Every structure is written in structure tokens, then in C-alpha cells.
Protein backbone atom coordinates (compact mmCIF):
# COMPACT_ATOMS: atom_id res chain seq x y z
CA SER A 1 126.45 166.43 -133.19
CA LEU A 2 129.15 165.39 -130.23
CA LEU A 3 132.09 165.91 -132.62
CA SER A 4 133.78 169.08 -133.39
CA GLY A 5 136.62 170.37 -135.74
CA ARG A 6 138.68 171.26 -132.72
CA ARG A 7 141.79 169.14 -132.03
CA TYR A 8 143.03 168.51 -128.36
CA SER A 9 146.27 166.88 -127.30
CA ILE A 10 147.81 166.00 -123.88
CA VAL A 11 151.23 166.88 -122.52
CA ILE A 12 153.10 163.30 -121.65
CA SER A 13 156.60 164.52 -120.73
CA GLU A 14 157.11 165.62 -117.30
CA GLU A 15 157.75 169.19 -118.15
CA THR A 16 157.64 170.80 -121.77
CA LEU A 17 158.59 174.41 -122.79
CA LEU A 18 156.20 176.55 -124.46
CA ARG A 19 158.14 178.53 -127.11
CA ASN A 20 157.66 181.60 -129.23
CA LYS A 21 158.78 179.79 -132.37
CA ASN A 22 159.09 176.48 -133.73
CA SER A 23 162.87 176.10 -133.02
CA LEU A 24 164.96 175.14 -130.03
CA ASN A 25 166.21 178.33 -130.18
CA GLY A 26 162.61 179.79 -129.77
CA LEU A 27 162.06 181.98 -126.11
CA GLY A 28 160.16 180.08 -123.71
CA LYS A 29 156.96 181.65 -122.54
CA ALA A 30 155.71 178.93 -120.00
CA ILE A 31 156.54 175.41 -118.71
CA LEU A 32 153.69 172.75 -119.33
CA LYS A 33 153.57 169.90 -117.00
CA LYS A 34 152.54 166.25 -117.50
CA ASN A 35 148.66 165.54 -118.36
CA VAL A 36 148.07 169.36 -119.24
CA ILE A 37 145.22 169.30 -121.97
CA VAL A 38 145.92 171.83 -124.72
CA LYS A 39 144.24 172.76 -128.16
CA ALA A 40 146.17 171.97 -131.24
CA LYS A 41 145.96 174.45 -133.68
CA LYS A 42 148.70 173.35 -136.42
CA CYS A 43 151.41 170.63 -136.58
CA ASP A 44 154.50 170.38 -138.80
CA VAL A 45 156.74 167.63 -138.64
CA LEU A 46 158.57 168.36 -135.30
CA TRP A 47 156.49 170.92 -133.87
CA CYS A 48 152.78 171.72 -132.92
CA PHE A 49 151.30 175.01 -132.26
CA ILE A 50 149.13 175.06 -129.56
CA GLU A 51 146.83 177.32 -127.23
CA VAL A 52 146.54 176.60 -123.53
CA GLU A 53 144.03 179.17 -121.56
CA LYS A 54 145.49 182.52 -122.87
CA LEU A 55 148.76 181.09 -123.84
CA ARG A 56 149.79 180.35 -127.53
CA GLY A 57 153.13 178.95 -128.64
CA TRP A 58 155.17 175.87 -130.13
CA VAL A 59 155.77 172.59 -128.16
CA LEU A 60 157.89 169.57 -129.38
CA LYS A 61 155.53 166.97 -130.89
CA SER A 62 157.47 164.17 -129.09
CA ASP A 63 156.17 165.71 -125.68
CA MET A 64 152.48 165.30 -126.75
CA TRP A 65 149.90 162.45 -126.95
CA GLY A 66 146.97 163.16 -129.55
CA VAL A 67 148.96 163.81 -132.75
CA LYS A 68 150.52 160.88 -135.08
CA LYS A 69 154.16 161.35 -135.47
CA LEU A 70 153.96 161.88 -139.35
CA GLU A 71 150.89 163.82 -139.18
CA THR A 72 150.60 167.57 -140.33
CA PHE A 73 147.65 169.93 -140.47
């Protein structure tokens, strides 16, 4: 099978901050640049928990392509 259950997304903003929690008050862990491919683990209304290389954290859903605006999982 060519399909898997893994979800991937791409950063579409010039830069976005990877945060330790799903809040604008969350501490920054890394800056992700445009076109970085990330693994989307779960998403709520505004935020997605992602993994890129060995880093995990939250990014704004509006800074990502590959996850629908109202989609949660």
C-alpha cells in the first residue's frame, strides 16, 4: 500500500514559532522556516501539535498547509 496513516503538513508562512504549549504565551522552542515539512500529530481549532526531526511542539494552524481550517484530530 502506498498510503499510510501519517499526516504531514508544510509551513507556509515565512517563519513560525514552534511553542511548548498551544498558546501565544507558550515558550518558543524553535523557529520553522517556510516550506519545512512536518508530521502533524494532532490539531485543535487553532493549533497543531507537530514533530520535525527530534523537535515536538505546537504551531498555529494558519501557518500550515495540509490541515483544513476547521479540521480537528
